[in-house]
């Protein structure tokens, strides 16, 4: 590779800045004409929650869209499950029913929709949801057939139990279509069914990229005369396409041409880029740690640890309640995870099952959710937001102190709960 001097670098960056500004101007022109990636759904709640909420709101025949069961019928058609026999005209749609993302029932047939964006299967969720519906229907069958106050689920015969299992369908929704080989608590995952407790349950893996996009297209075809509703659904369709890497990308040929024309020089810059990122971030967190270490509130009540920021998964800053004597607990951290910075209240042991204790969780069931602070940023965005800001260290420290203060009592309560106190 050629050797480059200071003049080479300065000349390149001057040309690159010029090309990038030209690219930015073209982007602004396109945005002015309405061609952009802004989407109202991108500013509403966490991604998994907002998708489940919006999908459920459309599927609900009693929803405020006033289209009756139209959307539910088209969803059934798009998913290829019309032979399951759910009566859309009499269906009820629930969000977070007994923790089920979306639950649809006509009183006889039951559809469980488990929505998975970028989290994997955990805590035997699907198995628990199936057993929830089975148990509720056992109760109803006992009421109808035994007609007595004290229910005896064991008196149901095998045929009756099989009949309940046959009335349940699980839809497993992910961004892309791929083979589901196993699910926690499920004995076997087959092409179109799940085996649980020696019983077979109807099952289908659906994706945002295929079934959800097809459903939205079907819906738009049916409501072309309803402009407001069509606009909302088109916005959601755009959000789904961006989610599944089908969104429109702004042309950046000018920038690419600069890189192609100066490939060796760009390669030399790239070789040093990651180490500069690490150095910038490490210097930032050293300052944050130093200031926190001098803070009286942190000194008096908390145990503060600092780990050098490196190019690997690591808890950079850890703040733990000083009085804790447990082996299993939740503490506050700033953590590096691959190419992301995670911020918030994190459990220290995979044996802690937050959701089993009715504690809301984020990020693979590791971080506390709800009233607790949680943030996930790419390293690039973190540097641009905090390190490039001249007041970044002070603002970051103030935020940490504020979140620690607000969370202290609740954190103690949760740690006691984790350890059975």
Protein backbone atom coordinates (compact mmCIF):
# COMPACT_ATOMS: atom_id res chain seq x y z
CA UNK A 1 0.00 0.00 0.00
CA UNK A 2 1.23 3.48 -0.84
CA UNK A 3 2.51 5.82 1.86
CA UNK A 4 0.46 8.98 2.42
CA UNK A 5 1.60 12.24 3.91
CA UNK A 6 -0.26 15.02 5.67
CA UNK A 7 -0.87 16.88 2.40
CA UNK A 8 -2.52 13.80 0.86
CA UNK A 9 -4.93 13.46 3.80
CA UNK A 10 -5.80 17.17 3.89
CA UNK A 11 -6.46 17.25 0.16
CA UNK A 12 -8.65 14.14 0.34
CA UNK A 13 -10.74 15.40 3.25
CA UNK A 14 -11.28 18.73 1.51
CA UNK A 15 -12.52 16.96 -1.64
CA UNK A 16 -14.56 14.50 0.37
CA UNK A 17 -16.26 17.28 2.35
CA UNK A 18 -17.17 18.99 -0.91
CA UNK A 19 -18.63 15.74 -2.32
CA UNK A 20 -20.51 15.01 0.90
CA UNK A 21 -22.04 18.49 0.99
CA UNK A 22 -23.22 18.00 -2.58
CA UNK A 23 -24.77 14.69 -1.57
CA UNK A 24 -26.46 16.32 1.44
CA UNK A 25 -27.93 19.04 -0.79
CA UNK A 26 -29.41 16.39 -3.08
CA UNK A 27 -30.89 14.62 -0.07
CA UNK A 28 -32.48 17.89 1.11
CA UNK A 29 -33.97 18.43 -2.34
CA UNK A 30 -35.50 14.96 -2.29
CA UNK A 31 -36.86 15.49 1.23
CA UNK A 32 -38.44 18.76 0.12
CA UNK A 33 -40.27 16.75 -2.57
CA UNK A 34 -41.51 14.29 0.08
CA UNK A 35 -38.97 11.53 -0.62
CA UNK A 36 -37.47 10.65 2.78
CA UNK A 37 -37.26 8.00 5.48
CA UNK A 38 -39.19 9.95 8.13
CA UNK A 39 -42.01 7.88 9.50
CA UNK A 40 -44.45 8.61 12.30
CA UNK A 41 -44.12 5.02 13.57
CA UNK A 42 -40.40 5.51 14.19
CA UNK A 43 -41.11 7.95 17.02
CA UNK A 44 -43.69 5.87 18.86
CA UNK A 45 -42.51 3.63 21.74
CA UNK A 46 -40.17 0.68 21.42
CA UNK A 47 -40.21 -1.10 18.08
CA UNK A 48 -41.74 -4.41 19.16
CA UNK A 49 -44.47 -2.70 21.17
CA UNK A 50 -45.45 -0.23 18.45
CA UNK A 51 -45.70 -2.95 15.79
CA UNK A 52 -47.84 -5.20 18.00
CA UNK A 53 -50.08 -2.28 19.00
CA UNK A 54 -50.67 -1.10 15.46
CA UNK A 55 -51.23 -4.58 14.03
CA UNK A 56 -53.67 -5.40 16.83
CA UNK A 57 -55.52 -2.11 16.33
CA UNK A 58 -56.10 -2.96 12.66
CA UNK A 59 -57.06 -6.57 13.34
CA UNK A 60 -59.66 -5.61 15.95
CA UNK A 61 -63.14 -5.69 14.31
CA UNK A 62 -64.26 -3.22 16.99
CA UNK A 63 -61.31 -0.89 16.34
CA UNK A 64 -61.54 2.81 15.63
CA UNK A 65 -60.88 2.22 11.93
CA UNK A 66 -64.64 1.40 11.60
CA UNK A 67 -63.98 -1.25 8.95
CA UNK A 68 -65.40 -4.15 10.96
CA UNK A 69 -63.61 -7.44 10.33
CA UNK A 70 -62.17 -6.39 6.94
CA UNK A 71 -58.56 -6.14 8.15
CA UNK A 72 -58.78 -9.39 10.12
CA UNK A 73 -60.21 -11.27 7.13
CA UNK A 74 -57.45 -9.97 4.86
CA UNK A 75 -54.84 -10.87 7.48
CA UNK A 76 -56.19 -14.43 7.61
CA UNK A 77 -56.02 -14.63 3.80
CA UNK A 78 -52.51 -13.16 3.61
CA UNK A 79 -51.25 -15.63 6.22
CA UNK A 80 -52.92 -18.57 4.45
CA UNK A 81 -54.83 -19.70 7.55
CA UNK A 82 -58.43 -19.46 6.32
CA UNK A 83 -58.84 -23.22 6.77
CA UNK A 84 -58.29 -22.80 10.54
CA UNK A 85 -61.90 -21.64 10.71
CA UNK A 86 -61.77 -18.55 12.95
CA UNK A 87 -65.02 -16.56 12.67
CA UNK A 88 -63.69 -13.06 11.99
CA UNK A 89 -67.10 -11.44 12.38
CA UNK A 90 -67.30 -12.58 16.02
CA UNK A 91 -63.62 -12.27 16.93
CA UNK A 92 -62.14 -10.35 19.84
CA UNK A 93 -58.56 -9.06 19.62
CA UNK A 94 -56.42 -8.49 22.72
CA UNK A 95 -53.00 -6.91 23.25
CA UNK A 96 -50.81 -8.34 26.04
CA UNK A 97 -53.49 -10.79 27.15
CA UNK A 98 -51.72 -12.80 29.90
CA UNK A 99 -48.47 -11.47 28.30
CA UNK A 100 -49.44 -12.78 24.83
CA UNK A 101 -48.40 -10.14 22.26
CA UNK A 102 -51.65 -10.45 20.26
CA UNK A 103 -54.46 -12.87 21.10
CA UNK A 104 -57.46 -13.40 18.80
CA UNK A 105 -60.46 -15.55 19.65
CA UNK A 106 -64.02 -16.06 18.48
CA UNK A 107 -64.80 -18.02 21.65
CA UNK A 108 -64.13 -21.32 19.93
CA UNK A 109 -60.90 -20.88 17.97
CA UNK A 110 -57.81 -19.20 19.39
CA UNK A 111 -54.88 -17.52 17.59
CA UNK A 112 -51.73 -16.66 19.52
CA UNK A 113 -49.40 -14.20 17.75
CA UNK A 114 -45.87 -14.02 19.16
CA UNK A 115 -44.09 -10.98 17.74
CA UNK A 116 -40.28 -11.25 17.62
CA UNK A 117 -38.31 -8.41 16.09
CA UNK A 118 -34.66 -8.65 17.12
CA UNK A 119 -35.05 -10.76 20.25
CA UNK A 120 -34.91 -14.53 20.31
CA UNK A 121 -37.17 -17.06 21.99
CA UNK A 122 -36.73 -17.06 25.76
CA UNK A 123 -38.47 -18.07 28.99
CA UNK A 124 -40.52 -20.72 27.14
CA UNK A 125 -42.97 -17.97 26.14
CA UNK A 126 -44.92 -19.81 23.43
CA UNK A 127 -45.29 -22.91 25.60
CA UNK A 128 -46.58 -20.82 28.52
CA UNK A 129 -49.08 -19.00 26.32
CA UNK A 130 -50.42 -22.26 24.91
CA UNK A 131 -50.86 -23.69 28.42
CA UNK A 132 -52.64 -20.48 29.48
CA UNK A 133 -55.25 -20.92 26.74
CA UNK A 134 -55.52 -24.67 27.40
CA UNK A 135 -56.12 -24.12 31.13
CA UNK A 136 -58.77 -21.45 30.50
CA UNK A 137 -60.62 -23.74 28.10
CA UNK A 138 -60.38 -26.67 30.51
CA UNK A 139 -62.16 -24.51 33.05
CA UNK A 140 -64.90 -23.61 30.56
CA UNK A 141 -65.38 -27.22 29.50
CA UNK A 142 -65.65 -28.31 33.10
CA UNK A 143 -68.24 -25.64 33.79
CA UNK A 144 -70.33 -26.73 30.83
CA UNK A 145 -70.09 -30.46 31.34
CA UNK A 146 -69.72 -31.01 35.09
CA UNK A 147 -72.01 -28.16 36.18
CA UNK A 148 -70.61 -27.95 39.67
CA UNK A 149 -68.79 -25.33 41.71
CA UNK A 150 -65.50 -27.17 42.27
CA UNK A 151 -63.79 -27.83 38.95
CA UNK A 152 -61.91 -31.05 38.31
CA UNK A 153 -59.72 -30.70 35.26
CA UNK A 154 -58.58 -34.33 35.50
CA UNK A 155 -62.07 -35.53 34.63
CA UNK A 156 -61.67 -34.33 31.04
CA UNK A 157 -61.04 -37.32 28.79
CA UNK A 158 -58.31 -37.53 26.16
CA UNK A 159 -60.65 -36.76 23.24
CA UNK A 160 -61.89 -33.61 24.93
CA UNK A 161 -58.34 -32.44 25.59
CA UNK A 162 -57.29 -33.15 22.01
CA UNK A 163 -60.26 -31.11 20.83
CA UNK A 164 -59.03 -28.09 22.83
CA UNK A 165 -55.52 -28.36 21.39
CA UNK A 166 -56.97 -28.53 17.87
CA UNK A 167 -58.66 -25.16 18.38
CA UNK A 168 -55.37 -23.27 18.91
CA UNK A 169 -53.09 -21.78 16.24
CA UNK A 170 -49.72 -20.14 16.96
CA UNK A 171 -48.38 -17.52 14.53
CA UNK A 172 -44.69 -16.74 15.08
CA UNK A 173 -43.95 -13.33 13.55
CA UNK A 174 -40.38 -12.25 12.71
CA UNK A 175 -38.90 -9.67 10.29
CA UNK A 176 -37.70 -12.31 7.81
CA UNK A 177 -38.68 -15.82 6.82
CA UNK A 178 -36.36 -18.53 8.09
CA UNK A 179 -36.67 -22.02 9.53
CA UNK A 180 -37.77 -22.22 13.16
CA UNK A 181 -36.04 -25.33 14.48
CA UNK A 182 -36.91 -25.18 18.18
CA UNK A 183 -38.80 -23.14 20.77
CA UNK A 184 -38.32 -23.25 24.53
CA UNK A 185 -40.70 -25.66 26.29
CA UNK A 186 -41.95 -27.10 22.98
CA UNK A 187 -41.18 -30.81 22.45
CA UNK A 188 -40.85 -30.49 18.67
CA UNK A 189 -41.31 -27.83 15.97
CA UNK A 190 -42.63 -29.28 12.72
CA UNK A 191 -43.51 -27.61 9.42
CA UNK A 192 -47.06 -26.67 10.35
CA UNK A 193 -47.38 -27.76 13.96
CA UNK A 194 -45.87 -27.76 17.44
CA UNK A 195 -45.76 -30.76 19.74
CA UNK A 196 -46.32 -29.89 23.39
CA UNK A 197 -47.21 -32.29 26.21
CA UNK A 198 -47.69 -35.01 23.55
CA UNK A 199 -50.32 -32.91 21.80
CA UNK A 200 -50.25 -31.19 18.41
CA UNK A 201 -50.92 -27.47 17.96
CA UNK A 202 -51.32 -25.71 14.58
CA UNK A 203 -48.32 -23.48 13.88
CA UNK A 204 -47.12 -21.10 11.19
CA UNK A 205 -44.06 -18.89 10.94
CA UNK A 206 -44.95 -15.59 9.25
CA UNK A 207 -42.75 -12.59 8.46
CA UNK A 208 -43.02 -8.84 8.12
CA UNK A 209 -41.25 -9.06 4.76
CA UNK A 210 -43.80 -11.45 3.25
CA UNK A 211 -47.16 -11.88 5.00
CA UNK A 212 -47.38 -8.45 6.70
CA UNK A 213 -46.46 -6.57 3.49
CA UNK A 214 -48.94 -8.70 1.52
CA UNK A 215 -51.64 -8.01 4.12
CA UNK A 216 -51.04 -4.24 4.00
CA UNK A 217 -51.23 -4.28 0.19
CA UNK A 218 -54.52 -6.21 0.33
CA UNK A 219 -55.91 -3.76 2.86
CA UNK A 220 -54.94 -0.69 0.81
CA UNK A 221 -56.65 -2.17 -2.24
CA UNK A 222 -59.86 -2.46 -0.24
CA UNK A 223 -59.89 1.09 1.20
CA UNK A 224 -58.65 3.24 -1.69
CA UNK A 225 -61.51 5.70 -1.14
CA UNK A 226 -60.61 6.28 2.54
CA UNK A 227 -57.68 8.68 2.13
CA UNK A 228 -56.83 9.25 5.82
CA UNK A 229 -56.75 5.55 6.64
CA UNK A 230 -54.84 4.73 3.45
CA UNK A 231 -52.19 7.31 4.36
CA UNK A 232 -51.72 5.80 7.83
CA UNK A 233 -51.43 2.27 6.47
CA UNK A 234 -49.01 3.44 3.78
CA UNK A 235 -46.86 4.99 6.50
CA UNK A 236 -46.89 1.69 8.39
CA UNK A 237 -46.07 -0.24 5.20
CA UNK A 238 -43.08 2.07 4.76
CA UNK A 239 -41.97 1.39 8.35
CA UNK A 240 -42.17 -2.38 7.73
CA UNK A 241 -40.16 -2.06 4.51
CA UNK A 242 -37.45 -0.13 6.33
CA UNK A 243 -37.50 -2.79 9.07
CA UNK A 244 -36.94 -5.50 6.44
CA UNK A 245 -34.33 -3.57 4.45
CA UNK A 246 -36.70 -2.72 1.60
CA UNK A 247 -36.83 1.02 2.25
CA UNK A 248 -35.78 3.52 -0.38
CA UNK A 249 -32.13 4.47 0.00
CA UNK A 250 -30.96 7.99 -0.82
CA UNK A 251 -28.55 8.03 -3.76
CA UNK A 252 -24.98 8.68 -2.60
CA UNK A 253 -23.07 8.00 -5.82
CA UNK A 254 -21.05 11.20 -5.39
CA UNK A 255 -19.61 10.05 -2.07
CA UNK A 256 -19.03 6.53 -3.36
CA UNK A 257 -17.12 7.87 -6.36
CA UNK A 258 -14.79 9.78 -4.04
CA UNK A 259 -14.09 6.58 -2.12
CA UNK A 260 -13.55 4.56 -5.32
CA UNK A 261 -11.17 7.19 -6.71
CA UNK A 262 -9.17 7.28 -3.48
CA UNK A 263 -9.50 3.67 -2.38
CA UNK A 264 -6.00 3.22 -0.97
CA UNK A 265 -6.22 6.42 1.01
CA UNK A 266 -9.68 5.45 2.34
CA UNK A 267 -8.35 2.01 3.31
CA UNK A 268 -5.56 3.68 5.31
CA UNK A 269 -8.13 5.89 7.06
CA UNK A 270 -10.37 2.88 7.73
CA UNK A 271 -7.49 0.96 9.31
CA UNK A 272 -7.19 3.68 11.94
CA UNK A 273 -10.89 4.49 12.29
CA UNK A 274 -11.81 1.87 14.90
CA UNK A 275 -8.83 2.66 17.12
CA UNK A 276 -9.77 6.36 17.02
CA UNK A 277 -13.36 5.47 18.00
CA UNK A 278 -12.02 3.46 20.94
CA UNK A 279 -9.64 6.23 22.00
CA UNK A 280 -12.34 8.93 21.83
CA UNK A 281 -14.81 6.86 23.81
CA UNK A 282 -12.25 5.72 26.36
CA UNK A 283 -11.19 9.30 27.07
CA UNK A 284 -14.84 10.28 27.44
CA UNK A 285 -15.60 7.54 29.98
CA UNK A 286 -12.42 8.20 31.94
CA UNK A 287 -13.67 11.75 32.49
CA UNK A 288 -17.17 10.50 33.39
CA UNK A 289 -15.74 8.01 35.90
CA UNK A 290 -13.41 10.60 37.43
CA UNK A 291 -16.26 13.06 37.98
CA UNK A 292 -18.60 10.37 39.33
CA UNK A 293 -15.87 9.17 41.69
CA UNK A 294 -15.67 12.66 43.19
CA UNK A 295 -19.43 12.91 43.66
CA UNK A 296 -20.41 12.66 47.33
CA UNK A 297 -23.71 10.91 46.63
CA UNK A 298 -21.94 8.16 44.68
CA UNK A 299 -19.20 7.91 47.32
CA UNK A 300 -21.63 7.51 50.21
CA UNK A 301 -24.18 5.13 48.78
CA UNK A 302 -22.77 3.27 45.81
CA UNK A 303 -19.94 1.02 44.73
CA UNK A 304 -18.44 2.42 41.50
CA UNK A 305 -16.34 0.37 39.06
CA UNK A 306 -14.66 1.41 35.82
CA UNK A 307 -13.36 -0.85 33.05
CA UNK A 308 -11.28 0.42 30.17
CA UNK A 309 -13.35 0.82 27.03
CA UNK A 310 -12.09 -1.71 24.52
CA UNK A 311 -13.18 -3.28 21.24
CA UNK A 312 -15.20 -6.03 22.94
CA UNK A 313 -18.28 -6.60 25.08
CA UNK A 314 -17.62 -5.02 28.46
CA UNK A 315 -19.36 -3.15 31.28
CA UNK A 316 -17.53 0.17 31.15
CA UNK A 317 -19.13 1.78 34.20
CA UNK A 318 -20.89 -0.19 36.91
CA UNK A 319 -22.74 1.34 39.85
CA UNK A 320 -24.08 -1.04 42.50
CA UNK A 321 -25.93 -0.22 45.76
CA UNK A 322 -23.26 -0.37 48.49
CA UNK A 323 -25.44 -2.29 50.94
CA UNK A 324 -26.03 -5.23 48.58
CA UNK A 325 -24.87 -8.60 49.92
CA UNK A 326 -26.47 -10.74 47.20
CA UNK A 327 -24.88 -12.85 44.47
CA UNK A 328 -27.82 -12.11 42.14
CA UNK A 329 -28.81 -8.51 41.64
CA UNK A 330 -29.59 -5.65 39.29
CA UNK A 331 -27.16 -2.71 39.02
CA UNK A 332 -26.75 0.37 36.84
CA UNK A 333 -24.30 0.06 33.94
CA UNK A 334 -23.00 1.61 30.78
CA UNK A 335 -22.13 -1.43 28.67
CA UNK A 336 -20.43 -2.02 25.34
CA UNK A 337 -22.16 -4.74 23.33
CA UNK A 338 -20.50 -5.42 19.95
CA UNK A 339 -21.01 -2.09 18.15
CA UNK A 340 -23.56 -0.67 20.57
CA UNK A 341 -23.59 1.26 23.82
CA UNK A 342 -26.27 0.11 26.27
CA UNK A 343 -27.30 2.27 29.20
CA UNK A 344 -29.57 1.32 32.10
CA UNK A 345 -30.34 -1.10 34.91
CA UNK A 346 -28.95 -4.56 34.16
CA UNK A 347 -29.24 -7.93 35.91
CA UNK A 348 -25.95 -9.68 36.66
CA UNK A 349 -27.03 -13.30 36.26
CA UNK A 350 -28.93 -15.18 33.55
CA UNK A 351 -30.72 -17.22 36.25
CA UNK A 352 -32.71 -14.11 37.18
CA UNK A 353 -36.00 -14.36 35.25
CA UNK A 354 -37.37 -10.82 35.35
CA UNK A 355 -40.56 -11.49 33.39
CA UNK A 356 -41.42 -14.46 35.62
CA UNK A 357 -41.52 -11.95 38.49
CA UNK A 358 -43.78 -9.62 36.48
CA UNK A 359 -40.89 -7.19 36.02
CA UNK A 360 -40.80 -5.63 32.57
CA UNK A 361 -37.58 -6.32 30.72
CA UNK A 362 -35.66 -5.05 27.70
CA UNK A 363 -32.93 -6.45 25.48
CA UNK A 364 -33.19 -10.23 25.74
CA UNK A 365 -34.67 -10.03 29.27
CA UNK A 366 -31.49 -8.46 30.71
CA UNK A 367 -32.34 -4.79 31.24
CA UNK A 368 -35.18 -3.38 33.36
CA UNK A 369 -37.90 -1.60 31.42
CA UNK A 370 -40.92 0.45 32.41
CA UNK A 371 -39.97 3.42 34.60
CA UNK A 372 -36.27 2.60 34.39
CA UNK A 373 -33.84 4.31 32.04
CA UNK A 374 -32.75 2.27 29.06
CA UNK A 375 -30.96 3.36 25.92
CA UNK A 376 -29.32 1.51 23.04
CA UNK A 377 -27.15 3.46 20.59
CA UNK A 378 -24.63 2.59 17.94
CA UNK A 379 -21.09 3.63 18.82
CA UNK A 380 -21.15 6.14 15.96
CA UNK A 381 -24.37 7.79 17.22
CA UNK A 382 -23.03 7.78 20.78
CA UNK A 383 -19.89 9.67 19.70
CA UNK A 384 -21.87 12.16 17.63
CA UNK A 385 -24.36 12.81 20.44
CA UNK A 386 -22.07 12.89 23.46
CA UNK A 387 -18.38 13.09 22.63
CA UNK A 388 -18.74 15.69 19.86
CA UNK A 389 -20.78 17.81 22.27
CA UNK A 390 -18.52 20.12 24.31
CA UNK A 391 -20.84 19.71 27.32
CA UNK A 392 -21.20 15.96 26.71
CA UNK A 393 -19.37 14.74 29.85
CA UNK A 394 -21.30 17.03 32.21
CA UNK A 395 -24.66 16.18 30.62
CA UNK A 396 -23.92 12.44 30.73
CA UNK A 397 -22.92 12.58 34.41
CA UNK A 398 -26.04 14.56 35.32
CA UNK A 399 -28.18 12.03 33.52
CA UNK A 400 -26.56 9.10 35.34
CA UNK A 401 -26.95 10.79 38.74
CA UNK A 402 -30.59 11.61 38.02
CA UNK A 403 -31.46 8.05 36.94
CA UNK A 404 -29.58 6.51 39.89
CA UNK A 405 -31.39 8.80 42.34
CA UNK A 406 -34.82 8.07 40.83
CA UNK A 407 -34.16 4.34 40.71
CA UNK A 408 -32.51 3.77 44.08
CA UNK A 409 -35.52 2.71 46.16
CA UNK A 410 -37.10 0.71 43.37
CA UNK A 411 -33.78 -0.97 42.66
CA UNK A 412 -33.49 -2.08 46.29
CA UNK A 413 -37.05 -3.43 46.18
CA UNK A 414 -36.34 -5.42 43.01
CA UNK A 415 -33.09 -6.83 44.36
CA UNK A 416 -34.93 -7.99 47.49
CA UNK A 417 -37.58 -9.58 45.29
CA UNK A 418 -34.95 -11.37 43.19
CA UNK A 419 -33.46 -12.87 46.33
CA UNK A 420 -36.78 -13.73 47.99
CA UNK A 421 -36.53 -11.17 50.82
